[in-house]
Amino acid sequence: MATKAKKKMVKKAPMVTTRAEKIRKDVEKQVREGLDRAINLLPPVPRKAVKDATVNVEKFRKTAEKQVRQGLAEATANVGKLRKTAEKQVRQGIDQAIGMIPPAQKKAFKTATTNLATARKDFRKRAEKLVAEVQDRTETIVGDVQERFAKVVEPVTRRLDVASRADVERLRTRLDHIERRIESQLRSTRSAA
């Protein structure tokens, strides 16, 4: 049972990290591309100021990600330590109980061991919930960092007159609509001819 719980925790953690990493890399790539294009349009003096600001934002992002990873590692280690301590105490309690029980009280011993097994299962469930909660918090923190990064970059892109993601999406939708209209007009003129 303990190995299944460990495998489950190990399997879940990389998926969250991978998904968060992918989102982070995509956002990072898009922001870098937009900023690079905009920065290259600037005269040399403002260009340096923008590059310096970008470096500072990147340092902040890396520091925040490092702190999130450290927090997750510490929480995971603490959960493991708590689980080991509880299992050790349960085993010691069982050993002590076996030594003190006279043969006539075997039924009470069986009840006690059943209760201990139930408590052990409850502890495992709590530990799994804690790990899931830590992963959820990690996702939330990563999302917050990305939002903060976007909030820092957005004013810079506005000042540089770089198209936002919404602008690009709006233009893409409009272009798709125009292409469909042209295709339908071509079809109607071909069918009329």
N, C-alpha and C. Protein backbone atom coordinates (compact mmCIF):
# COMPACT_ATOMS: atom_id res chain seq x y z
N MET A 1 0.82 -1.19 0.00
CA MET A 1 0.00 0.00 0.00
C MET A 1 0.87 1.26 0.00
N ALA A 2 1.94 1.25 0.79
CA ALA A 2 2.79 2.43 0.87
C ALA A 2 3.45 2.71 -0.47
N THR A 3 3.84 1.68 -1.19
CA THR A 3 4.50 1.89 -2.49
C THR A 3 3.53 2.46 -3.51
N LYS A 4 2.26 2.04 -3.46
CA LYS A 4 1.28 2.59 -4.40
C LYS A 4 1.08 4.08 -4.17
N ALA A 5 1.01 4.48 -2.90
CA ALA A 5 0.83 5.89 -2.59
C ALA A 5 2.04 6.70 -3.06
N LYS A 6 3.25 6.13 -2.85
CA LYS A 6 4.47 6.82 -3.31
C LYS A 6 4.46 6.97 -4.81
N LYS A 7 4.12 5.88 -5.53
CA LYS A 7 4.10 5.93 -6.99
C LYS A 7 3.08 6.95 -7.46
N LYS A 8 1.93 7.01 -6.79
CA LYS A 8 0.89 7.96 -7.18
C LYS A 8 1.39 9.39 -7.00
N MET A 9 2.06 9.66 -5.87
CA MET A 9 2.59 11.00 -5.62
C MET A 9 3.67 11.34 -6.63
N VAL A 10 4.55 10.39 -6.95
CA VAL A 10 5.63 10.63 -7.89
C VAL A 10 5.07 10.87 -9.28
N LYS A 11 4.03 10.14 -9.66
CA LYS A 11 3.45 10.31 -10.99
C LYS A 11 2.77 11.66 -11.13
N LYS A 12 2.09 12.14 -10.09
CA LYS A 12 1.36 13.39 -10.18
C LYS A 12 2.29 14.59 -10.24
N ALA A 13 3.34 14.59 -9.47
CA ALA A 13 4.22 15.75 -9.39
C ALA A 13 4.83 16.13 -10.73
N PRO A 14 5.41 15.20 -11.51
CA PRO A 14 6.00 15.60 -12.79
C PRO A 14 4.98 16.15 -13.77
N MET A 15 3.73 15.65 -13.74
CA MET A 15 2.73 16.15 -14.67
C MET A 15 2.44 17.61 -14.39
N VAL A 16 2.31 17.96 -13.12
CA VAL A 16 2.04 19.35 -12.76
C VAL A 16 3.22 20.21 -13.17
N THR A 17 4.43 19.74 -12.86
CA THR A 17 5.63 20.49 -13.21
C THR A 17 5.73 20.64 -14.71
N THR A 18 5.48 19.58 -15.45
CA THR A 18 5.59 19.62 -16.90
C THR A 18 4.58 20.60 -17.48
N ARG A 19 3.35 20.54 -17.04
CA ARG A 19 2.32 21.44 -17.53
C ARG A 19 2.66 22.89 -17.21
N ALA A 20 3.07 23.14 -15.98
CA ALA A 20 3.43 24.50 -15.59
C ALA A 20 4.65 24.98 -16.37
N GLU A 21 5.63 24.10 -16.55
CA GLU A 21 6.82 24.45 -17.31
C GLU A 21 6.46 24.78 -18.74
N LYS A 22 5.58 23.99 -19.35
CA LYS A 22 5.19 24.23 -20.74
C LYS A 22 4.51 25.58 -20.88
N ILE A 23 3.58 25.87 -19.98
CA ILE A 23 2.88 27.15 -20.01
C ILE A 23 3.87 28.29 -19.83
N ARG A 24 4.76 28.14 -18.87
CA ARG A 24 5.75 29.17 -18.61
C ARG A 24 6.63 29.41 -19.82
N LYS A 25 7.10 28.33 -20.45
CA LYS A 25 7.97 28.46 -21.62
C LYS A 25 7.25 29.11 -22.79
N ASP A 26 5.99 28.75 -23.00
CA ASP A 26 5.22 29.35 -24.09
C ASP A 26 5.06 30.85 -23.86
N VAL A 27 4.68 31.24 -22.66
CA VAL A 27 4.50 32.65 -22.35
C VAL A 27 5.84 33.39 -22.49
N GLU A 28 6.88 32.77 -21.97
CA GLU A 28 8.21 33.36 -22.03
C GLU A 28 8.64 33.61 -23.48
N LYS A 29 8.42 32.61 -24.31
CA LYS A 29 8.82 32.70 -25.72
C LYS A 29 8.05 33.82 -26.42
N GLN A 30 6.75 33.88 -26.21
CA GLN A 30 5.94 34.90 -26.86
C GLN A 30 6.33 36.29 -26.38
N VAL A 31 6.58 36.43 -25.11
CA VAL A 31 6.95 37.74 -24.57
C VAL A 31 8.31 38.15 -25.11
N ARG A 32 9.27 37.22 -25.12
CA ARG A 32 10.61 37.54 -25.64
C ARG A 32 10.55 37.97 -27.09
N GLU A 33 9.81 37.23 -27.90
CA GLU A 33 9.72 37.57 -29.32
C GLU A 33 9.13 38.96 -29.52
N GLY A 34 8.05 39.25 -28.82
CA GLY A 34 7.42 40.57 -28.94
C GLY A 34 8.33 41.68 -28.45
N LEU A 35 8.98 41.43 -27.33
CA LEU A 35 9.88 42.45 -26.78
C LEU A 35 11.09 42.66 -27.68
N ASP A 36 11.65 41.59 -28.20
CA ASP A 36 12.80 41.72 -29.09
C ASP A 36 12.45 42.55 -30.32
N ARG A 37 11.29 42.27 -30.91
CA ARG A 37 10.87 43.05 -32.08
C ARG A 37 10.70 44.52 -31.71
N ALA A 38 10.06 44.76 -30.59
CA ALA A 38 9.81 46.14 -30.18
C ALA A 38 11.09 46.85 -29.79
N ILE A 39 11.97 46.16 -29.11
CA ILE A 39 13.22 46.77 -28.65
C ILE A 39 14.09 47.16 -29.85
N ASN A 40 14.11 46.34 -30.86
CA ASN A 40 14.93 46.62 -32.03
C ASN A 40 14.44 47.85 -32.79
N LEU A 41 13.20 48.26 -32.57
CA LEU A 41 12.68 49.46 -33.23
C LEU A 41 13.06 50.74 -32.49
N LEU A 42 13.50 50.61 -31.25
CA LEU A 42 13.82 51.78 -30.42
C LEU A 42 15.20 52.34 -30.74
N PRO A 43 15.38 53.65 -30.44
CA PRO A 43 16.73 54.22 -30.51
C PRO A 43 17.60 53.59 -29.41
N PRO A 44 18.92 53.72 -29.50
CA PRO A 44 19.83 53.02 -28.57
C PRO A 44 19.61 53.29 -27.08
N VAL A 45 19.35 54.54 -26.66
CA VAL A 45 19.24 54.84 -25.23
C VAL A 45 18.01 54.18 -24.60
N PRO A 46 16.81 54.36 -25.16
CA PRO A 46 15.66 53.66 -24.56
C PRO A 46 15.78 52.15 -24.68
N ARG A 47 16.44 51.68 -25.73
CA ARG A 47 16.61 50.24 -25.93
C ARG A 47 17.33 49.63 -24.75
N LYS A 48 18.39 50.29 -24.26
CA LYS A 48 19.15 49.77 -23.12
C LYS A 48 18.27 49.75 -21.86
N ALA A 49 17.48 50.80 -21.66
CA ALA A 49 16.60 50.86 -20.47
C ALA A 49 15.58 49.73 -20.51
N VAL A 50 15.03 49.46 -21.67
CA VAL A 50 14.05 48.38 -21.80
C VAL A 50 14.72 47.03 -21.56
N LYS A 51 15.92 46.86 -22.11
CA LYS A 51 16.64 45.58 -21.89
C LYS A 51 16.95 45.38 -20.41
N ASP A 52 17.34 46.46 -19.73
CA ASP A 52 17.61 46.37 -18.29
C ASP A 52 16.35 45.98 -17.52
N ALA A 53 15.22 46.58 -17.89
CA ALA A 53 13.96 46.25 -17.22
C ALA A 53 13.59 44.80 -17.47
N THR A 54 13.82 44.33 -18.68
CA THR A 54 13.52 42.93 -19.01
C THR A 54 14.38 41.98 -18.19
N VAL A 55 15.66 42.32 -18.02
CA VAL A 55 16.56 41.50 -17.22
C VAL A 55 16.07 41.44 -15.77
N ASN A 56 15.64 42.59 -15.23
CA ASN A 56 15.14 42.61 -13.85
C ASN A 56 13.88 41.75 -13.69
N VAL A 57 12.99 41.82 -14.66
CA VAL A 57 11.77 40.99 -14.61
C VAL A 57 12.16 39.51 -14.67
N GLU A 58 13.11 39.17 -15.50
CA GLU A 58 13.55 37.78 -15.63
C GLU A 58 14.17 37.29 -14.32
N LYS A 59 14.95 38.13 -13.66
CA LYS A 59 15.54 37.75 -12.37
C LYS A 59 14.44 37.50 -11.34
N PHE A 60 13.43 38.38 -11.30
CA PHE A 60 12.32 38.21 -10.37
C PHE A 60 11.60 36.89 -10.64
N ARG A 61 11.34 36.58 -11.90
CA ARG A 61 10.64 35.35 -12.26
C ARG A 61 11.44 34.13 -11.81
N LYS A 62 12.74 34.13 -12.08
CA LYS A 62 13.57 32.99 -11.70
C LYS A 62 13.61 32.82 -10.18
N THR A 63 13.71 33.92 -9.46
CA THR A 63 13.72 33.86 -8.00
C THR A 63 12.40 33.29 -7.48
N ALA A 64 11.29 33.75 -8.04
CA ALA A 64 9.98 33.25 -7.61
C ALA A 64 9.84 31.76 -7.90
N GLU A 65 10.26 31.34 -9.07
CA GLU A 65 10.17 29.91 -9.41
C GLU A 65 11.05 29.07 -8.48
N LYS A 66 12.22 29.57 -8.16
CA LYS A 66 13.13 28.85 -7.26
C LYS A 66 12.49 28.69 -5.88
N GLN A 67 11.86 29.75 -5.39
CA GLN A 67 11.21 29.69 -4.08
C GLN A 67 10.05 28.71 -4.08
N VAL A 68 9.30 28.67 -5.17
CA VAL A 68 8.18 27.73 -5.27
C VAL A 68 8.71 26.30 -5.26
N ARG A 69 9.77 26.04 -6.03
CA ARG A 69 10.33 24.68 -6.06
C ARG A 69 10.85 24.27 -4.70
N GLN A 70 11.54 25.21 -4.00
CA GLN A 70 12.06 24.90 -2.67
C GLN A 70 10.93 24.60 -1.69
N GLY A 71 9.87 25.39 -1.76
CA GLY A 71 8.72 25.17 -0.88
C GLY A 71 8.08 23.81 -1.11
N LEU A 72 7.94 23.45 -2.37
CA LEU A 72 7.37 22.15 -2.71
C LEU A 72 8.26 21.02 -2.22
N ALA A 73 9.57 21.16 -2.40
CA ALA A 73 10.50 20.12 -1.95
C ALA A 73 10.45 19.97 -0.42
N GLU A 74 10.41 21.09 0.29
CA GLU A 74 10.33 21.04 1.75
C GLU A 74 9.04 20.40 2.22
N ALA A 75 7.93 20.77 1.58
CA ALA A 75 6.64 20.20 1.97
C ALA A 75 6.62 18.70 1.73
N THR A 76 7.13 18.26 0.58
CA THR A 76 7.18 16.84 0.27
C THR A 76 8.05 16.09 1.28
N ALA A 77 9.19 16.67 1.62
CA ALA A 77 10.08 16.04 2.61
C ALA A 77 9.39 15.95 3.97
N ASN A 78 8.69 17.02 4.37
CA ASN A 78 8.00 17.00 5.67
C ASN A 78 6.90 15.95 5.70
N VAL A 79 6.17 15.79 4.61
CA VAL A 79 5.13 14.77 4.55
C VAL A 79 5.75 13.38 4.72
N GLY A 80 6.87 13.15 4.05
CA GLY A 80 7.55 11.86 4.16
C GLY A 80 8.01 11.60 5.59
N LYS A 81 8.58 12.61 6.23
CA LYS A 81 9.04 12.46 7.62
C LYS A 81 7.87 12.17 8.55
N LEU A 82 6.76 12.89 8.38
CA LEU A 82 5.59 12.66 9.22
C LEU A 82 5.06 11.24 9.05
N ARG A 83 5.01 10.79 7.81
CA ARG A 83 4.51 9.46 7.54
C ARG A 83 5.39 8.40 8.21
N LYS A 84 6.71 8.54 8.08
CA LYS A 84 7.63 7.57 8.69
C LYS A 84 7.51 7.57 10.21
N THR A 85 7.42 8.74 10.79
CA THR A 85 7.29 8.85 12.25
C THR A 85 6.00 8.19 12.72
N ALA A 86 4.91 8.46 12.03
CA ALA A 86 3.63 7.87 12.44
C ALA A 86 3.65 6.36 12.30
N GLU A 87 4.20 5.85 11.20
CA GLU A 87 4.27 4.40 11.01
C GLU A 87 5.13 3.75 12.10
N LYS A 88 6.24 4.40 12.44
CA LYS A 88 7.11 3.87 13.49
C LYS A 88 6.38 3.81 14.83
N GLN A 89 5.64 4.87 15.15
CA GLN A 89 4.90 4.90 16.41
C GLN A 89 3.79 3.85 16.42
N VAL A 90 3.16 3.64 15.29
CA VAL A 90 2.11 2.62 15.21
C VAL A 90 2.73 1.24 15.45
N ARG A 91 3.86 0.97 14.79
CA ARG A 91 4.53 -0.33 14.98
C ARG A 91 4.93 -0.53 16.44
N GLN A 92 5.48 0.51 17.07
CA GLN A 92 5.87 0.39 18.48
C GLN A 92 4.65 0.14 19.37
N GLY A 93 3.56 0.81 19.06
CA GLY A 93 2.33 0.59 19.83
C GLY A 93 1.83 -0.83 19.70
N ILE A 94 1.90 -1.38 18.51
CA ILE A 94 1.47 -2.77 18.29
C ILE A 94 2.36 -3.73 19.08
N ASP A 95 3.66 -3.51 18.99
CA ASP A 95 4.59 -4.38 19.72
C ASP A 95 4.35 -4.32 21.23
N GLN A 96 4.13 -3.16 21.74
CA GLN A 96 3.85 -3.02 23.17
C GLN A 96 2.52 -3.68 23.54
N ALA A 97 1.55 -3.50 22.68
CA ALA A 97 0.24 -4.11 22.95
C ALA A 97 0.33 -5.63 22.96
N ILE A 98 1.06 -6.19 22.02
CA ILE A 98 1.20 -7.65 21.96
C ILE A 98 1.86 -8.17 23.23
N GLY A 99 2.86 -7.46 23.70
CA GLY A 99 3.56 -7.90 24.92
C GLY A 99 2.69 -7.83 26.17
N MET A 100 1.74 -6.97 26.21
CA MET A 100 0.94 -6.79 27.43
C MET A 100 -0.37 -7.57 27.42
N ILE A 101 -0.78 -8.10 26.31
CA ILE A 101 -2.10 -8.73 26.23
C ILE A 101 -2.03 -10.20 26.69
N PRO A 102 -2.85 -10.56 27.64
CA PRO A 102 -2.95 -11.98 28.03
C PRO A 102 -3.76 -12.72 26.96
N PRO A 103 -3.63 -14.03 26.91
CA PRO A 103 -4.32 -14.81 25.87
C PRO A 103 -5.84 -14.60 25.85
N ALA A 104 -6.44 -14.35 26.99
CA ALA A 104 -7.89 -14.19 27.03
C ALA A 104 -8.35 -12.89 26.35
N GLN A 105 -7.48 -11.96 26.17
CA GLN A 105 -7.85 -10.66 25.63
C GLN A 105 -7.49 -10.51 24.14
N LYS A 106 -7.38 -11.61 23.44
CA LYS A 106 -7.01 -11.56 22.02
C LYS A 106 -8.03 -10.78 21.19
N LYS A 107 -9.28 -10.90 21.55
CA LYS A 107 -10.31 -10.21 20.79
C LYS A 107 -10.11 -8.69 20.88
N ALA A 108 -9.80 -8.20 22.06
CA ALA A 108 -9.55 -6.77 22.24
C ALA A 108 -8.31 -6.35 21.44
N PHE A 109 -7.33 -7.22 21.38
CA PHE A 109 -6.12 -6.93 20.60
C PHE A 109 -6.45 -6.80 19.10
N LYS A 110 -7.30 -7.71 18.62
CA LYS A 110 -7.68 -7.64 17.20
C LYS A 110 -8.40 -6.33 16.90
N THR A 111 -9.25 -5.91 17.82
CA THR A 111 -9.96 -4.64 17.63
C THR A 111 -8.97 -3.48 17.61
N ALA A 112 -8.00 -3.52 18.50
CA ALA A 112 -7.00 -2.46 18.56
C ALA A 112 -6.18 -2.41 17.27
N THR A 113 -5.78 -3.58 16.78
CA THR A 113 -5.00 -3.59 15.54
C THR A 113 -5.83 -3.09 14.36
N THR A 114 -7.11 -3.41 14.37
CA THR A 114 -7.99 -2.91 13.31
C THR A 114 -8.08 -1.39 13.37
N ASN A 115 -8.22 -0.87 14.57
CA ASN A 115 -8.28 0.59 14.74
C ASN A 115 -6.97 1.25 14.30
N LEU A 116 -5.86 0.62 14.62
CA LEU A 116 -4.57 1.17 14.20
C LEU A 116 -4.44 1.14 12.67
N ALA A 117 -4.89 0.08 12.06
CA ALA A 117 -4.84 0.00 10.59
C ALA A 117 -5.71 1.09 9.97
N THR A 118 -6.86 1.32 10.57
CA THR A 118 -7.75 2.39 10.08
C THR A 118 -7.08 3.75 10.23
N ALA A 119 -6.45 3.97 11.37
CA ALA A 119 -5.75 5.24 11.60
C ALA A 119 -4.63 5.42 10.58
N ARG A 120 -3.94 4.34 10.28
CA ARG A 120 -2.86 4.38 9.29
C ARG A 120 -3.40 4.76 7.92
N LYS A 121 -4.51 4.16 7.53
CA LYS A 121 -5.12 4.51 6.24
C LYS A 121 -5.55 5.96 6.23
N ASP A 122 -6.14 6.42 7.33
CA ASP A 122 -6.55 7.82 7.42
C ASP A 122 -5.35 8.75 7.27
N PHE A 123 -4.24 8.37 7.91
CA PHE A 123 -3.04 9.20 7.81
C PHE A 123 -2.55 9.25 6.36
N ARG A 124 -2.58 8.13 5.69
CA ARG A 124 -2.15 8.11 4.27
C ARG A 124 -3.04 9.01 3.43
N LYS A 125 -4.34 8.93 3.68
CA LYS A 125 -5.27 9.78 2.93
C LYS A 125 -4.97 11.25 3.19
N ARG A 126 -4.72 11.58 4.44
CA ARG A 126 -4.39 12.96 4.78
C ARG A 126 -3.10 13.41 4.09
N ALA A 127 -2.12 12.51 4.08
CA ALA A 127 -0.85 12.84 3.43
C ALA A 127 -1.05 13.06 1.93
N GLU A 128 -1.85 12.22 1.29
CA GLU A 128 -2.12 12.39 -0.14
C GLU A 128 -2.86 13.70 -0.39
N LYS A 129 -3.81 14.03 0.48
CA LYS A 129 -4.53 15.29 0.34
C LYS A 129 -3.58 16.47 0.50
N LEU A 130 -2.64 16.34 1.44
CA LEU A 130 -1.67 17.41 1.67
C LEU A 130 -0.79 17.60 0.44
N VAL A 131 -0.34 16.49 -0.14
CA VAL A 131 0.48 16.58 -1.34
C VAL A 131 -0.32 17.21 -2.48
N ALA A 132 -1.57 16.80 -2.63
CA ALA A 132 -2.42 17.40 -3.68
C ALA A 132 -2.62 18.89 -3.42
N GLU A 133 -2.80 19.25 -2.17
CA GLU A 133 -2.98 20.66 -1.82
C GLU A 133 -1.71 21.46 -2.13
N VAL A 134 -0.55 20.89 -1.82
CA VAL A 134 0.72 21.55 -2.13
C VAL A 134 0.87 21.73 -3.63
N GLN A 135 0.49 20.71 -4.40
CA GLN A 135 0.57 20.82 -5.85
C GLN A 135 -0.38 21.89 -6.37
N ASP A 136 -1.59 21.95 -5.81
CA ASP A 136 -2.54 22.98 -6.21
C ASP A 136 -1.99 24.37 -5.88
N ARG A 137 -1.43 24.50 -4.69
CA ARG A 137 -0.85 25.79 -4.30
C ARG A 137 0.30 26.17 -5.24
N THR A 138 1.09 25.17 -5.60
CA THR A 138 2.21 25.41 -6.52
C THR A 138 1.69 25.92 -7.85
N GLU A 139 0.65 25.28 -8.37
CA GLU A 139 0.05 25.73 -9.63
C GLU A 139 -0.46 27.16 -9.48
N THR A 140 -1.09 27.45 -8.35
CA THR A 140 -1.62 28.79 -8.11
C THR A 140 -0.48 29.81 -8.07
N ILE A 141 0.58 29.47 -7.37
CA ILE A 141 1.72 30.39 -7.26
C ILE A 141 2.35 30.61 -8.63
N VAL A 142 2.53 29.54 -9.39
CA VAL A 142 3.10 29.68 -10.73
C VAL A 142 2.19 30.57 -11.59
N GLY A 143 0.88 30.37 -11.48
CA GLY A 143 -0.07 31.21 -12.21
C GLY A 143 0.04 32.67 -11.78
N ASP A 144 0.18 32.89 -10.46
CA ASP A 144 0.33 34.26 -9.96
C ASP A 144 1.61 34.90 -10.49
N VAL A 145 2.69 34.13 -10.50
CA VAL A 145 3.96 34.65 -11.02
C VAL A 145 3.80 35.02 -12.50
N GLN A 146 3.12 34.16 -13.24
CA GLN A 146 2.91 34.46 -14.66
C GLN A 146 2.06 35.70 -14.83
N GLU A 147 1.02 35.85 -14.01
CA GLU A 147 0.17 37.05 -14.09
C GLU A 147 0.97 38.30 -13.74
N ARG A 148 1.79 38.21 -12.71
CA ARG A 148 2.62 39.36 -12.33
C ARG A 148 3.60 39.71 -13.45
N PHE A 149 4.17 38.68 -14.03
CA PHE A 149 5.10 38.88 -15.14
C PHE A 149 4.37 39.57 -16.29
N ALA A 150 3.16 39.12 -16.58
CA ALA A 150 2.38 39.73 -17.66
C ALA A 150 2.05 41.18 -17.32
N LYS A 151 1.72 41.45 -16.05
CA LYS A 151 1.40 42.81 -15.64
C LYS A 151 2.61 43.74 -15.77
N VAL A 152 3.79 43.21 -15.52
CA VAL A 152 5.00 44.01 -15.64
C VAL A 152 5.33 44.25 -17.12
N VAL A 153 5.13 43.25 -17.94
CA VAL A 153 5.49 43.34 -19.35
C VAL A 153 4.45 44.14 -20.13
N GLU A 154 3.20 44.08 -19.74
CA GLU A 154 2.12 44.74 -20.49
C GLU A 154 2.35 46.24 -20.65
N PRO A 155 2.67 47.00 -19.59
CA PRO A 155 2.91 48.43 -19.79
C PRO A 155 4.09 48.71 -20.74
N VAL A 156 5.10 47.86 -20.66
CA VAL A 156 6.25 48.03 -21.54
C VAL A 156 5.82 47.82 -22.99
N THR A 157 5.04 46.79 -23.24
CA THR A 157 4.60 46.53 -24.61
C THR A 157 3.66 47.63 -25.10
N ARG A 158 2.87 48.21 -24.21
CA ARG A 158 1.99 49.33 -24.60
C ARG A 158 2.83 50.53 -25.01
N ARG A 159 3.84 50.82 -24.21
CA ARG A 159 4.69 51.96 -24.52
C ARG A 159 5.43 51.76 -25.83
N LEU A 160 5.76 50.51 -26.11
CA LEU A 160 6.50 50.21 -27.33
C LEU A 160 5.57 50.02 -28.52
N ASP A 161 4.27 50.08 -28.27
CA ASP A 161 3.26 49.93 -29.32
C ASP A 161 3.36 48.56 -29.99
N VAL A 162 3.49 47.51 -29.16
CA VAL A 162 3.53 46.14 -29.65
C VAL A 162 2.13 45.56 -29.52
N ALA A 163 1.72 44.79 -30.52
CA ALA A 163 0.38 44.20 -30.49
C ALA A 163 0.27 43.21 -29.34
N SER A 164 -0.86 43.26 -28.65
CA SER A 164 -1.08 42.32 -27.55
C SER A 164 -1.62 41.01 -28.12
N ARG A 165 -1.67 40.02 -27.28
CA ARG A 165 -2.19 38.73 -27.69
C ARG A 165 -3.64 38.86 -28.15
N ALA A 166 -4.42 39.66 -27.43
CA ALA A 166 -5.83 39.87 -27.80
C ALA A 166 -5.93 40.54 -29.17
N ASP A 167 -5.04 41.53 -29.43
CA ASP A 167 -5.05 42.20 -30.73
C ASP A 167 -4.74 41.21 -31.85
N VAL A 168 -3.74 40.39 -31.64
CA VAL A 168 -3.35 39.40 -32.65
C VAL A 168 -4.49 38.41 -32.87
N GLU A 169 -5.13 37.98 -31.80
CA GLU A 169 -6.23 37.02 -31.91
C GLU A 169 -7.41 37.65 -32.65
N ARG A 170 -7.72 38.91 -32.34
CA ARG A 170 -8.80 39.63 -33.01
C ARG A 170 -8.51 39.74 -34.51
N LEU A 171 -7.27 40.08 -34.85
CA LEU A 171 -6.90 40.18 -36.27
C LEU A 171 -6.96 38.82 -36.96
N ARG A 172 -6.54 37.79 -36.26
CA ARG A 172 -6.59 36.43 -36.82
C ARG A 172 -8.04 36.03 -37.11
N THR A 173 -8.94 36.32 -36.18
CA THR A 173 -10.36 36.01 -36.36
C THR A 173 -10.93 36.79 -37.54
N ARG A 174 -10.58 38.05 -37.59
CA ARG A 174 -11.08 38.90 -38.69
C ARG A 174 -10.55 38.39 -40.03
N LEU A 175 -9.28 38.03 -40.09
CA LEU A 175 -8.69 37.52 -41.33
C LEU A 175 -9.36 36.21 -41.74
N ASP A 176 -9.64 35.33 -40.79
CA ASP A 176 -10.35 34.08 -41.10
C ASP A 176 -11.72 34.37 -41.69
N HIS A 177 -12.41 35.33 -41.09
CA HIS A 177 -13.74 35.71 -41.58
C HIS A 177 -13.65 36.25 -43.01
N ILE A 178 -12.69 37.11 -43.28
CA ILE A 178 -12.51 37.68 -44.63
C ILE A 178 -12.17 36.58 -45.63
N GLU A 179 -11.29 35.65 -45.23
CA GLU A 179 -10.94 34.55 -46.13
C GLU A 179 -12.17 33.71 -46.47
N ARG A 180 -13.02 33.44 -45.49
CA ARG A 180 -14.23 32.67 -45.75
C ARG A 180 -15.16 33.40 -46.71
N ARG A 181 -15.30 34.71 -46.53
CA ARG A 181 -16.15 35.50 -47.42
C ARG A 181 -15.61 35.48 -48.85
N ILE A 182 -14.31 35.62 -49.00
CA ILE A 182 -13.71 35.60 -50.34
C ILE A 182 -13.92 34.24 -51.00
N GLU A 183 -13.69 33.17 -50.21
CA GLU A 183 -13.89 31.81 -50.76
C GLU A 183 -15.34 31.59 -51.17
N SER A 184 -16.29 32.07 -50.36
CA SER A 184 -17.70 31.89 -50.72
C SER A 184 -18.05 32.70 -51.96
N GLN A 185 -17.49 33.90 -52.10
CA GLN A 185 -17.74 34.70 -53.30
C GLN A 185 -17.14 34.04 -54.54
N LEU A 186 -15.93 33.46 -54.38
CA LEU A 186 -15.31 32.76 -55.51
C LEU A 186 -16.16 31.57 -55.93
N ARG A 187 -16.68 30.84 -54.95
CA ARG A 187 -17.53 29.69 -55.27
C ARG A 187 -18.80 30.12 -56.01
N SER A 188 -19.38 31.22 -55.52
CA SER A 188 -20.62 31.68 -56.16
C SER A 188 -20.35 32.19 -57.58
N THR A 189 -19.22 32.84 -57.82
CA THR A 189 -18.91 33.31 -59.19
C THR A 189 -18.56 32.13 -60.10
N ARG A 190 -17.93 31.10 -59.57
CA ARG A 190 -17.59 29.90 -60.37
C ARG A 190 -18.87 29.14 -60.73
N SER A 191 -19.78 29.04 -59.77
CA SER A 191 -21.03 28.33 -60.04
C SER A 191 -21.92 29.12 -60.99
N ALA A 192 -21.85 30.44 -60.96
CA ALA A 192 -22.65 31.28 -61.87
C ALA A 192 -22.09 31.24 -63.28
N ALA A 193 -20.79 31.04 -63.40
CA ALA A 193 -20.15 31.02 -64.73
C ALA A 193 -20.28 29.72 -65.40
